């Protein structure tokens, strides 16, 4: 009898665990969308592993050689704007030397005189340089606070309107968002990876609200941006990289006029519209 009860308890525990796993599996597709990947996209090879180390080496070398003199001269001359052309050149040089070619579609949809918030999906380190360099205008970025710890890069971020956000501290995160909103009101466009972190290859994570509050409060339109193929070229958690073509698609801007952050349904609607447009362009669905 004792053994029977033990088995029953064990079986009951396993059933509960299985039920919880099934519930999580059922809930996940509603939150995370998936893009089909080529069959050999993530196949590990020695060449792909070595290529990832090359990508990191090039990034470090460019920061070390170009960063200190540019930052020093700009600081001494009190001309922070001098850093921008070098930052853009450095980002493009990094992508090019890493074997990446960038193709941009949809730039004609933008008004050269308008200020925007560019909302992009995020699956790779390659996304940041691509978004920063290829919108056709100088933009700022919201970035994770860990980048401040990177030598030279952390110092240079403040020169080019890259603002670090601490998502572990709600109050500090709100203060950063407010500061970024003020810069947007002054005419500086911003890029934001609204998922808040890099997604794994083929995934589109739920979007966080901060960037959409910024857009509504500043009264500017949101531009959805679909970043394609970077997960295959250098995806999160793969330890792999390969040369190839990054496709950045700038989608039609989404209007924020008449919306209010005091109405949660307005924010939710803006998030849903933006994410849906990116998902369609990526070919993402709720089927893993």
Protein backbone atom coordinates (compact mmCIF):
# COMPACT_ATOMS: atom_id res chain seq x y z
CA UNK A 1 0.00 0.00 0.00
CA UNK A 2 2.80 2.36 0.87
CA UNK A 3 4.39 1.72 -2.51
CA UNK A 4 1.04 2.23 -4.22
CA UNK A 5 0.50 5.56 -2.47
CA UNK A 6 4.07 6.55 -3.33
CA UNK A 7 3.49 5.73 -6.97
CA UNK A 8 0.21 7.61 -6.94
CA UNK A 9 1.91 10.66 -5.43
CA UNK A 10 4.73 10.37 -7.94
CA UNK A 11 2.30 9.95 -10.80
CA UNK A 12 0.24 12.87 -9.55
CA UNK A 13 3.31 15.09 -9.32
CA UNK A 14 4.36 14.12 -12.83
CA UNK A 15 0.85 14.85 -14.11
CA UNK A 16 0.89 18.29 -12.50
CA UNK A 17 4.35 19.01 -13.93
CA UNK A 18 3.24 17.84 -17.39
CA UNK A 19 0.10 19.97 -17.14
CA UNK A 20 2.16 23.02 -16.21
CA UNK A 21 4.53 22.43 -19.10
CA UNK A 22 1.62 22.06 -21.49
CA UNK A 23 0.07 25.26 -20.16
CA UNK A 24 3.36 27.12 -20.68
CA UNK A 25 3.68 25.69 -24.18
CA UNK A 26 0.14 26.80 -25.00
CA UNK A 27 0.73 30.28 -23.56
CA UNK A 28 4.10 30.84 -25.24
CA UNK A 29 2.91 31.13 -28.87
CA UNK A 30 0.54 33.92 -27.94
CA UNK A 31 3.47 35.93 -26.61
CA UNK A 32 6.37 34.80 -28.79
CA UNK A 33 6.08 34.68 -32.58
CA UNK A 34 8.32 32.54 -34.77
CA UNK A 35 9.95 32.88 -38.17
CA UNK A 36 10.97 29.70 -40.02
CA UNK A 37 14.75 29.29 -40.37
CA UNK A 38 16.69 27.61 -43.20
CA UNK A 39 17.52 23.98 -42.43
CA UNK A 40 21.26 24.53 -42.00
CA UNK A 41 21.03 28.05 -40.54
CA UNK A 42 22.39 27.15 -37.12
CA UNK A 43 24.56 24.19 -38.06
CA UNK A 44 27.80 24.60 -36.07
CA UNK A 45 31.05 24.49 -38.04
CA UNK A 46 34.59 25.46 -37.12
CA UNK A 47 34.55 28.23 -39.72
CA UNK A 48 31.40 29.78 -38.25
CA UNK A 49 32.82 29.65 -34.73
CA UNK A 50 36.04 31.29 -35.87
CA UNK A 51 34.07 33.93 -37.77
CA UNK A 52 32.31 34.98 -34.59
CA UNK A 53 35.67 35.55 -32.91
CA UNK A 54 36.73 37.59 -35.95
CA UNK A 55 33.63 39.79 -35.60
CA UNK A 56 34.44 40.49 -31.94
CA UNK A 57 38.12 41.09 -32.74
CA UNK A 58 37.26 43.68 -35.41
CA UNK A 59 34.90 45.48 -33.01
CA UNK A 60 37.58 45.66 -30.32
CA UNK A 61 40.26 46.78 -32.73
CA UNK A 62 38.14 49.61 -34.15
CA UNK A 63 37.20 50.81 -30.66
CA UNK A 64 40.82 50.73 -29.52
CA UNK A 65 42.32 52.45 -32.57
CA UNK A 66 39.62 55.01 -33.42
CA UNK A 67 37.82 55.64 -30.13
CA UNK A 68 40.41 57.28 -27.83
CA UNK A 69 41.72 59.95 -30.25
CA UNK A 70 38.23 60.88 -31.49
CA UNK A 71 36.77 61.15 -27.98
CA UNK A 72 39.79 63.06 -26.67
CA UNK A 73 39.82 65.64 -29.46
CA UNK A 74 36.05 66.12 -29.29
CA UNK A 75 36.17 66.57 -25.51
CA UNK A 76 39.08 69.03 -25.61
CA UNK A 77 37.42 71.05 -28.38
CA UNK A 78 34.04 70.83 -26.62
CA UNK A 79 32.51 69.65 -29.88
CA UNK A 80 30.64 66.49 -29.02
CA UNK A 81 28.98 66.45 -32.44
CA UNK A 82 32.34 65.59 -34.01
CA UNK A 83 31.96 62.06 -32.67
CA UNK A 84 28.86 61.28 -34.77
CA UNK A 85 30.54 60.90 -38.20
CA UNK A 86 33.23 58.70 -36.68
CA UNK A 87 30.66 56.58 -34.84
CA UNK A 88 28.73 56.03 -38.06
CA UNK A 89 31.94 55.29 -39.98
CA UNK A 90 33.05 52.86 -37.27
CA UNK A 91 29.74 50.99 -37.27
CA UNK A 92 29.73 50.64 -41.04
CA UNK A 93 33.40 49.61 -41.08
CA UNK A 94 32.71 46.95 -38.45
CA UNK A 95 29.86 45.46 -40.45
CA UNK A 96 31.80 45.56 -43.70
CA UNK A 97 34.98 44.03 -42.24
CA UNK A 98 32.84 41.37 -40.57
CA UNK A 99 31.57 40.33 -43.99
CA UNK A 100 28.13 41.91 -43.66
CA UNK A 101 26.39 43.73 -46.50
CA UNK A 102 23.41 45.93 -45.57
CA UNK A 103 20.41 46.44 -47.83
CA UNK A 104 17.83 49.04 -46.77
CA UNK A 105 14.29 49.17 -48.11
CA UNK A 106 11.62 51.77 -47.36
CA UNK A 107 13.75 54.79 -46.53
CA UNK A 108 11.67 56.80 -49.00
CA UNK A 109 8.75 56.50 -46.56
CA UNK A 110 10.43 58.94 -44.18
CA UNK A 111 10.00 62.70 -44.12
CA UNK A 112 13.52 64.21 -43.91
CA UNK A 113 12.20 67.02 -41.70
CA UNK A 114 10.27 64.80 -39.26
CA UNK A 115 11.33 63.31 -35.95
CA UNK A 116 10.56 59.64 -35.35
CA UNK A 117 10.99 56.75 -32.97
CA UNK A 118 12.26 53.72 -34.85
CA UNK A 119 11.03 50.47 -33.27
CA UNK A 120 12.95 47.39 -34.37
CA UNK A 121 13.02 43.71 -33.56
CA UNK A 122 16.30 42.52 -32.05
CA UNK A 123 17.99 39.15 -32.63
CA UNK A 124 21.69 39.96 -32.92
CA UNK A 125 24.51 42.30 -31.92
CA UNK A 126 24.55 43.28 -35.60
CA UNK A 127 21.18 45.03 -35.26
CA UNK A 128 22.49 47.94 -33.20
CA UNK A 129 25.07 49.17 -35.70
CA UNK A 130 22.65 48.58 -38.59
CA UNK A 131 19.85 50.65 -37.05
CA UNK A 132 22.21 53.40 -35.87
CA UNK A 133 24.00 53.73 -39.23
CA UNK A 134 21.42 53.12 -41.93
CA UNK A 135 18.23 55.12 -41.24
CA UNK A 136 19.71 57.97 -43.29
CA UNK A 137 19.80 60.38 -40.34
CA UNK A 138 21.53 60.87 -37.01
CA UNK A 139 19.57 59.07 -34.32
CA UNK A 140 19.99 58.27 -30.65
CA UNK A 141 19.42 54.85 -29.13
CA UNK A 142 18.12 53.39 -25.92
CA UNK A 143 20.59 50.70 -24.89
CA UNK A 144 21.01 48.33 -21.96
CA UNK A 145 23.08 49.67 -19.08
CA UNK A 146 25.65 46.85 -19.37
CA UNK A 147 27.14 48.61 -22.40
CA UNK A 148 28.40 51.35 -20.10
CA UNK A 149 30.92 48.83 -18.76
CA UNK A 150 32.49 48.29 -22.19
CA UNK A 151 35.76 50.30 -22.31
CA UNK A 152 35.70 53.26 -24.73
CA UNK A 153 32.22 52.36 -26.01
CA UNK A 154 30.64 53.16 -22.66
CA UNK A 155 32.32 56.58 -22.64
CA UNK A 156 31.42 57.35 -26.24
CA UNK A 157 27.73 56.52 -25.87
CA UNK A 158 26.92 59.85 -24.24
CA UNK A 159 28.52 61.75 -27.14
CA UNK A 160 26.04 60.33 -29.69
CA UNK A 161 22.73 60.28 -27.77
CA UNK A 162 22.93 56.61 -26.82
CA UNK A 163 21.22 56.47 -23.43
CA UNK A 164 21.62 53.49 -21.10
CA UNK A 165 18.45 52.19 -19.48
CA UNK A 166 18.47 50.12 -16.29
CA UNK A 167 15.51 47.77 -16.62
CA UNK A 168 16.20 46.29 -13.19
CA UNK A 169 15.43 49.63 -11.53
CA UNK A 170 11.97 50.92 -12.42
CA UNK A 171 12.56 54.47 -11.18
CA UNK A 172 15.84 54.88 -13.07
CA UNK A 173 14.29 53.38 -16.18
CA UNK A 174 11.44 55.92 -16.00
CA UNK A 175 13.93 58.77 -15.58
CA UNK A 176 15.89 57.62 -18.64
CA UNK A 177 12.72 57.38 -20.70
CA UNK A 178 11.73 60.90 -19.64
CA UNK A 179 15.17 62.27 -20.55
CA UNK A 180 15.01 60.55 -23.94
CA UNK A 181 11.51 61.98 -24.49
CA UNK A 182 12.85 65.50 -23.93
CA UNK A 183 15.56 64.93 -26.54
CA UNK A 184 12.95 63.66 -28.98
CA UNK A 185 10.91 66.83 -28.40
CA UNK A 186 14.04 68.80 -29.28
CA UNK A 187 14.16 67.08 -32.68
CA UNK A 188 16.41 64.04 -32.09
CA UNK A 189 15.02 60.81 -33.54
CA UNK A 190 15.57 57.67 -31.47
CA UNK A 191 15.87 53.97 -32.17
CA UNK A 192 14.57 51.42 -29.67
CA UNK A 193 14.63 47.63 -29.57
CA UNK A 194 11.25 47.27 -27.91
CA UNK A 195 11.67 43.61 -26.95
CA UNK A 196 14.12 44.81 -24.30
CA UNK A 197 16.66 42.08 -25.07
CA UNK A 198 17.90 40.00 -27.99
CA UNK A 199 15.50 37.27 -29.02
CA UNK A 200 16.75 33.85 -30.02
CA UNK A 201 16.94 33.00 -33.74
CA UNK A 202 13.53 33.06 -35.38
CA UNK A 203 11.73 34.62 -32.42
CA UNK A 204 9.81 37.88 -32.00
CA UNK A 205 9.31 38.65 -28.31
CA UNK A 206 6.56 40.81 -26.75
CA UNK A 207 7.21 44.55 -26.89
CA UNK A 208 7.71 46.65 -23.77
CA UNK A 209 5.76 49.88 -23.30
CA UNK A 210 8.49 52.47 -22.69
CA UNK A 211 9.22 53.47 -26.28
CA UNK A 212 5.53 53.83 -27.06
CA UNK A 213 4.99 56.10 -24.07
CA UNK A 214 7.90 58.17 -25.41
CA UNK A 215 6.33 58.46 -28.85
CA UNK A 216 2.90 59.46 -27.54
CA UNK A 217 4.27 61.94 -25.00
CA UNK A 218 6.61 63.54 -27.57
CA UNK A 219 3.91 63.58 -30.25
CA UNK A 220 6.00 61.80 -32.89
CA UNK A 221 5.21 58.89 -35.17
CA UNK A 222 6.51 55.37 -34.64
CA UNK A 223 8.41 53.76 -37.51
CA UNK A 224 8.36 49.94 -37.39
CA UNK A 225 11.64 48.41 -38.60
CA UNK A 226 12.04 44.76 -39.55
CA UNK A 227 15.61 43.55 -39.12
CA UNK A 228 16.03 40.42 -41.22
CA UNK A 229 18.67 37.64 -41.38
CA UNK A 230 20.83 38.91 -38.51
CA UNK A 231 19.77 35.92 -36.38
CA UNK A 232 21.18 33.58 -39.01
CA UNK A 233 24.33 35.66 -39.50
CA UNK A 234 25.11 36.00 -35.77
CA UNK A 235 22.24 34.88 -33.58
CA UNK A 236 21.92 35.01 -29.82
CA UNK A 237 23.21 31.94 -28.03
CA UNK A 238 24.56 30.25 -31.16
CA UNK A 239 28.27 31.02 -30.80
CA UNK A 240 28.31 31.27 -34.58
CA UNK A 241 28.68 33.94 -37.26
CA UNK A 242 28.91 33.98 -41.03
CA UNK A 243 29.19 36.63 -43.74
CA UNK A 244 26.00 37.59 -45.53
CA UNK A 245 23.36 40.22 -46.23
CA UNK A 246 21.41 42.10 -43.57
CA UNK A 247 18.06 43.41 -44.79
CA UNK A 248 16.57 46.35 -42.90
CA UNK A 249 13.01 47.17 -43.93
CA UNK A 250 11.59 50.55 -42.87
CA UNK A 251 7.81 50.19 -42.74
CA UNK A 252 5.17 52.94 -42.98
CA UNK A 253 5.08 55.21 -39.90
CA UNK A 254 2.30 54.71 -37.37
CA UNK A 255 0.48 57.86 -36.26
CA UNK A 256 0.27 58.75 -32.56
CA UNK A 257 -1.84 61.93 -32.84
CA UNK A 258 -4.85 61.78 -30.56
CA UNK A 259 -3.40 59.02 -28.39
CA UNK A 260 -2.82 59.43 -24.65
CA UNK A 261 -0.60 57.51 -22.26
CA UNK A 262 -3.35 57.97 -19.66
CA UNK A 263 -5.42 55.50 -21.67
CA UNK A 264 -3.85 52.04 -21.54
CA UNK A 265 -5.89 50.94 -24.54
CA UNK A 266 -4.19 53.63 -26.66
CA UNK A 267 -0.73 52.34 -25.72
CA UNK A 268 -1.78 48.72 -26.23
CA UNK A 269 -3.21 49.53 -29.66
CA UNK A 270 -0.01 51.30 -30.75
CA UNK A 271 2.12 48.38 -29.56
CA UNK A 272 -0.12 45.87 -31.35
CA UNK A 273 -0.08 47.82 -34.64
CA UNK A 274 3.70 48.22 -34.60
CA UNK A 275 4.47 44.63 -33.67
CA UNK A 276 1.97 43.26 -36.20
CA UNK A 277 3.59 45.17 -39.07
CA UNK A 278 7.03 43.90 -38.12
CA UNK A 279 5.72 40.35 -37.71
CA UNK A 280 4.15 40.38 -41.17
CA UNK A 281 7.38 41.60 -42.76
CA UNK A 282 9.38 38.93 -40.91
CA UNK A 283 6.87 36.23 -41.84
CA UNK A 284 6.42 35.49 -38.13
CA UNK A 285 3.50 33.50 -36.76
CA UNK A 286 2.48 31.75 -33.55
CA UNK A 287 3.63 28.39 -34.94
CA UNK A 288 7.13 27.43 -33.66
